[in-house]
Structures are given as structure tokens and as C-alpha cells.
Amino acid sequence: MDDVTDLPMFPLGSVLFPAMPLPLRVFEPRYLQMLQDVLPDGTAEFGVVLIERGQEVGGGEKRFGVGTIAQVAELKVADGYLALLGEGTRRFEVVEWLAEDPYPRARVRELPPLEWAESERERRDQTETLVRRTLARASEFGDMAWSPGVQLSDDPVDALWQLAAIAPLGPLDQMGLLRCASARELLDAIFTATQDVGELLDARGTP
């Protein structure tokens, strides 16, 4: 995990977790060039980081230093843009940002994958129940990105990241989850953050 590699980067206004889909409309020339460069080399991978300050379009934004590698799964030509479907794979930390010519690049180091232990099963079940219940409550106030009944992966580690992704949290809370170093730390962080959201929803009363 000490190896440092250069990676094309795609800063976004949202957090990408491992084992989660990434639908994108790519139209900026710099990212069209990035795709042209990464697709022929066989890896078809780029890094996704959350924008801390600034906008997605145009450059000049400030970015967080932890992100997720996305692998291109599907690419289609649409009217004026490329419709890309990627999938989050491995987490990384940015060691150094490189010159952005013609698109953002960074030297990155992959973070260790989470390890699952069956001793965390009860905490996982508690957390999943809370997340689904809070999603159902939040859906009373507006449309949510994920249904309370969404299915999770049979792979226990993938399911943890998916649970983090579907929890009704904002991007800053999600960044805290992405940084977690163990399954237990992630479960506890999801539970606490979701519990806080549930309390806010209860305080709002009936929609």
C-alpha cells in the first residue's frame, strides 16, 4: 500500500464510495481528453475526489485529499456529451497534485481495504435498520436518491460502503465515512451521523 502512482482526476460535487455506481455526463474538453487517454491503456480508471470549494465546471476548485478510484464500465455517445457509467473500486489519498495540463492529475497512494469480521454482524444489522428507517422518514419530506428497500451486495465489505452511500447524509458527512480505517469505525460513523439526521427529521414533525 506504499506504492505511489499518477492518476487522472475528476473532481466532483459528490462523494464516490467503493462498490457504488458513478453516472456522469462528460462534456468539458479536458475530461473528454482524459477519457481518450485512459481508455486505450486497458485500465480505464480515474480518481474521484470531492470538491471542497468551487464548481465542477471550469477548474480552479479546492479539493479534498481522499477519494475513490472509478473504473469505466460503460460509455455511450449522446447529444453533445459522453454518457459514462463508472464504478467505485479502491480508496486513495492524494500525495501531491500535479500540473493540470490538460486535465487534473495527482500522485496517489491507495488506502488499505476494509476487513470484515463476523463479530460486527450485530452492529451492521443495527446500522442497516437505522439507515433504512431514516431513509423512509426522509422520503416523507422529499425525493431521495435511494429507496429504503434498495438491495445491498452479498459481499460484506461492499455492503458496508453501499450502506454509507445510501444513508441520507450530506457530502461532508460522507467524506468522514470515506476516511474510516476499519469496518467498525465505518459502522459507528454511519450510525451516529444517521441518528443525528433522524433527530432533525423528528424535530421537523409531520410534513
Protein backbone atom coordinates (compact mmCIF):
# COMPACT_ATOMS: atom_id res chain seq x y z
CA MET A 1 0.00 0.00 0.00
CA ASP A 2 3.07 2.29 -0.02
CA ASP A 3 3.23 2.46 -3.84
CA VAL A 4 2.57 5.90 -5.26
CA THR A 5 1.14 6.22 -8.76
CA ASP A 6 -0.01 9.00 -11.06
CA LEU A 7 -3.76 9.11 -11.64
CA PRO A 8 -6.04 11.28 -13.77
CA MET A 9 -8.53 13.02 -11.50
CA PHE A 10 -12.18 14.04 -11.85
CA PRO A 11 -13.22 16.40 -9.02
CA LEU A 12 -16.96 16.31 -8.35
CA GLY A 13 -19.52 17.90 -6.08
CA SER A 14 -20.40 14.48 -4.64
CA VAL A 15 -18.61 11.61 -2.91
CA LEU A 16 -18.00 8.32 -4.68
CA PHE A 17 -17.78 5.22 -2.47
CA PRO A 18 -16.34 1.85 -3.41
CA ALA A 19 -18.92 -0.58 -4.85
CA MET A 20 -21.17 2.29 -5.98
CA PRO A 21 -22.14 3.41 -9.50
CA LEU A 22 -20.98 6.69 -10.96
CA PRO A 23 -23.14 8.10 -13.78
CA LEU A 24 -21.53 11.11 -15.47
CA ARG A 25 -22.22 13.41 -18.39
CA VAL A 26 -18.82 14.33 -19.76
CA PHE A 27 -18.67 17.39 -22.00
CA GLU A 28 -15.72 19.53 -20.88
CA PRO A 29 -12.81 19.24 -23.33
CA ARG A 30 -10.30 18.47 -20.56
CA TYR A 31 -12.28 15.43 -19.36
CA LEU A 32 -13.02 14.25 -22.89
CA GLN A 33 -9.25 14.28 -23.36
CA MET A 34 -8.81 12.38 -20.09
CA LEU A 35 -11.13 9.61 -21.27
CA GLN A 36 -9.36 9.48 -24.61
CA ASP A 37 -6.11 8.90 -22.71
CA VAL A 38 -7.28 6.33 -20.13
CA LEU A 39 -9.47 4.12 -22.29
CA PRO A 40 -6.81 2.71 -24.64
CA ASP A 41 -4.36 1.78 -21.84
CA GLY A 42 -6.52 -1.07 -20.53
CA THR A 43 -7.14 0.25 -17.01
CA ALA A 44 -9.87 2.79 -17.83
CA GLU A 45 -9.51 4.23 -14.33
CA PHE A 46 -9.51 7.73 -12.87
CA GLY A 47 -9.74 9.22 -9.41
CA VAL A 48 -12.79 10.97 -7.99
CA VAL A 49 -12.45 13.50 -5.18
CA LEU A 50 -14.97 15.81 -3.56
CA ILE A 51 -14.71 19.50 -4.34
CA GLU A 52 -14.23 21.39 -1.09
CA ARG A 53 -14.75 24.82 -2.59
CA GLY A 54 -15.54 25.94 -6.15
CA GLN A 55 -17.51 24.48 -9.05
CA GLU A 56 -17.30 21.32 -11.13
CA VAL A 57 -17.10 23.15 -14.44
CA GLY A 58 -14.17 25.35 -15.39
CA GLY A 59 -11.44 24.34 -12.96
CA GLY A 60 -9.81 26.26 -10.11
CA GLU A 61 -11.67 24.40 -7.37
CA LYS A 62 -10.23 23.33 -3.99
CA ARG A 63 -10.43 19.58 -3.37
CA PHE A 64 -10.34 17.09 -0.54
CA GLY A 65 -7.36 14.74 -0.36
CA VAL A 66 -9.12 11.37 -0.08
CA GLY A 67 -11.12 9.81 -2.88
CA THR A 68 -12.10 6.67 -4.76
CA ILE A 69 -10.83 5.18 -7.99
CA ALA A 70 -13.57 4.83 -10.61
CA GLN A 71 -13.40 2.25 -13.36
CA VAL A 72 -15.26 2.91 -16.60
CA ALA A 73 -17.93 0.26 -17.08
CA GLU A 74 -19.91 1.75 -19.96
CA LEU A 75 -19.56 4.68 -22.33
CA LYS A 76 -22.09 5.96 -24.85
CA VAL A 77 -22.13 8.89 -27.23
CA ALA A 78 -25.07 11.19 -26.59
CA ASP A 79 -26.19 14.58 -27.93
CA GLY A 80 -23.28 16.87 -27.13
CA TYR A 81 -21.70 14.76 -24.40
CA LEU A 82 -20.48 11.30 -23.44
CA ALA A 83 -22.68 9.31 -21.06
CA LEU A 84 -20.31 7.46 -18.76
CA LEU A 85 -21.13 4.82 -16.18
CA GLY A 86 -18.31 4.07 -13.78
CA GLU A 87 -17.97 2.01 -10.62
CA GLY A 88 -16.13 2.91 -7.44
CA THR A 89 -13.34 0.46 -6.65
CA ARG A 90 -10.48 1.38 -4.27
CA ARG A 91 -9.85 4.32 -1.98
CA PHE A 92 -6.77 6.52 -2.16
CA GLU A 93 -5.13 9.54 -0.57
CA VAL A 94 -3.58 12.33 -2.61
CA VAL A 95 0.16 12.64 -2.04
CA GLU A 96 0.69 15.52 -4.44
CA TRP A 97 -1.33 17.41 -7.01
CA LEU A 98 0.41 17.63 -10.39
CA ALA A 99 0.24 20.15 -13.21
CA GLU A 100 -3.24 20.28 -14.73
CA ASP A 101 -2.36 20.09 -18.37
CA PRO A 102 -4.74 19.33 -19.94
CA TYR A 103 -6.73 17.83 -17.01
CA PRO A 104 -6.29 17.36 -13.23
CA ARG A 105 -3.74 14.73 -12.19
CA ALA A 106 -2.30 13.67 -8.85
CA ARG A 107 0.16 11.29 -7.30
CA VAL A 108 -1.88 8.99 -5.07
CA ARG A 109 -1.40 6.16 -2.61
CA GLU A 110 -4.09 3.52 -2.25
CA LEU A 111 -5.59 3.08 1.22
CA PRO A 112 -5.89 -0.41 2.74
CA PRO A 113 -9.22 -2.13 2.08
CA LEU A 114 -11.56 -2.67 5.00
CA GLU A 115 -11.59 -6.11 6.57
CA TRP A 116 -14.85 -7.76 7.59
CA ALA A 117 -15.29 -9.75 10.80
CA GLU A 118 -18.47 -11.66 11.67
CA SER A 119 -18.27 -10.15 15.14
CA GLU A 120 -19.53 -6.92 13.54
CA ARG A 121 -22.70 -8.56 12.22
CA GLU A 122 -24.97 -7.30 15.01
CA ARG A 123 -23.69 -3.73 14.65
CA ARG A 124 -24.10 -3.96 10.88
CA ASP A 125 -27.73 -5.10 11.28
CA GLN A 126 -28.47 -2.28 13.73
CA THR A 127 -26.95 0.27 11.40
CA GLU A 128 -28.76 -1.02 8.33
CA THR A 129 -32.09 -0.95 10.16
CA LEU A 130 -31.49 2.65 11.25
CA VAL A 131 -30.42 3.77 7.77
CA ARG A 132 -33.46 2.23 6.10
CA ARG A 133 -35.83 3.64 8.71
CA THR A 134 -34.31 7.11 8.37
CA LEU A 135 -34.47 6.92 4.58
CA ALA A 136 -38.16 6.12 4.82
CA ARG A 137 -38.67 9.06 7.17
CA ALA A 138 -36.67 11.44 4.98
CA SER A 139 -38.65 10.39 1.89
CA GLU A 140 -41.74 11.90 3.54
CA PHE A 141 -40.14 15.33 3.11
CA GLY A 142 -38.90 14.93 -0.47
CA ASP A 143 -37.46 12.67 -3.13
CA MET A 144 -34.42 10.67 -2.06
CA ALA A 145 -31.67 9.28 -4.23
CA TRP A 146 -32.17 5.79 -2.79
CA SER A 147 -35.22 3.77 -1.80
CA PRO A 148 -35.44 2.41 1.77
CA GLY A 149 -35.75 -1.04 0.20
CA VAL A 150 -32.64 -0.86 -2.00
CA GLN A 151 -30.70 -4.12 -2.08
CA LEU A 152 -27.11 -4.31 -0.84
CA SER A 153 -24.30 -6.52 -2.08
CA ASP A 154 -23.77 -10.04 -0.75
CA ASP A 155 -20.12 -9.10 -0.26
CA PRO A 156 -19.94 -7.80 3.34
CA VAL A 157 -17.34 -5.06 2.70
CA ASP A 158 -19.08 -3.83 -0.45
CA ALA A 159 -22.33 -3.76 1.51
CA LEU A 160 -20.74 -1.53 4.17
CA TRP A 161 -19.72 1.03 1.57
CA GLN A 162 -23.14 0.84 -0.05
CA LEU A 163 -24.73 1.42 3.33
CA ALA A 164 -22.57 4.51 3.73
CA ALA A 165 -23.63 5.72 0.28
CA ILE A 166 -27.38 5.31 0.72
CA ALA A 167 -27.52 6.88 4.20
CA PRO A 168 -29.31 10.27 3.88
CA LEU A 169 -26.21 12.34 4.64
CA GLY A 170 -24.53 15.37 3.14
CA PRO A 171 -21.18 15.26 1.33
CA LEU A 172 -19.13 16.45 4.31
CA ASP A 173 -20.50 13.65 6.49
CA GLN A 174 -19.86 11.24 3.61
CA MET A 175 -16.25 12.39 3.43
CA GLY A 176 -15.86 11.45 7.07
CA LEU A 177 -17.18 7.98 6.28
CA LEU A 178 -14.83 7.56 3.32
CA ARG A 179 -11.84 8.19 5.60
CA CYS A 180 -12.73 5.38 8.04
CA ALA A 181 -9.95 2.85 8.57
CA SER A 182 -11.95 -0.14 9.83
CA ALA A 183 -15.35 -1.76 9.39
CA ARG A 184 -16.30 -0.97 12.99
CA GLU A 185 -15.26 2.66 12.66
CA LEU A 186 -17.34 2.96 9.50
CA LEU A 187 -20.41 1.33 11.05
CA ASP A 188 -20.22 3.53 14.12
CA ALA A 189 -19.80 6.65 11.98
CA ILE A 190 -22.76 5.75 9.76
CA PHE A 191 -24.92 5.02 12.81
CA THR A 192 -24.06 8.28 14.60
CA ALA A 193 -24.47 10.50 11.54
CA THR A 194 -27.76 8.85 10.54
CA GLN A 195 -29.06 9.10 14.09
CA ASP A 196 -28.37 12.85 14.01
CA VAL A 197 -30.35 13.16 10.77
CA GLY A 198 -33.23 11.20 12.30
CA GLU A 199 -33.36 13.57 15.26
CA LEU A 200 -33.51 16.56 12.93
CA LEU A 201 -36.33 14.97 10.97
CA ASP A 202 -38.24 14.23 14.17
CA ALA A 203 -37.83 17.85 15.21
CA ARG A 204 -39.43 18.94 11.93
CA GLY A 205 -42.53 16.93 12.76
CA THR A 206 -45.04 15.76 10.16
CA PRO A 207 -44.53 17.10 6.62
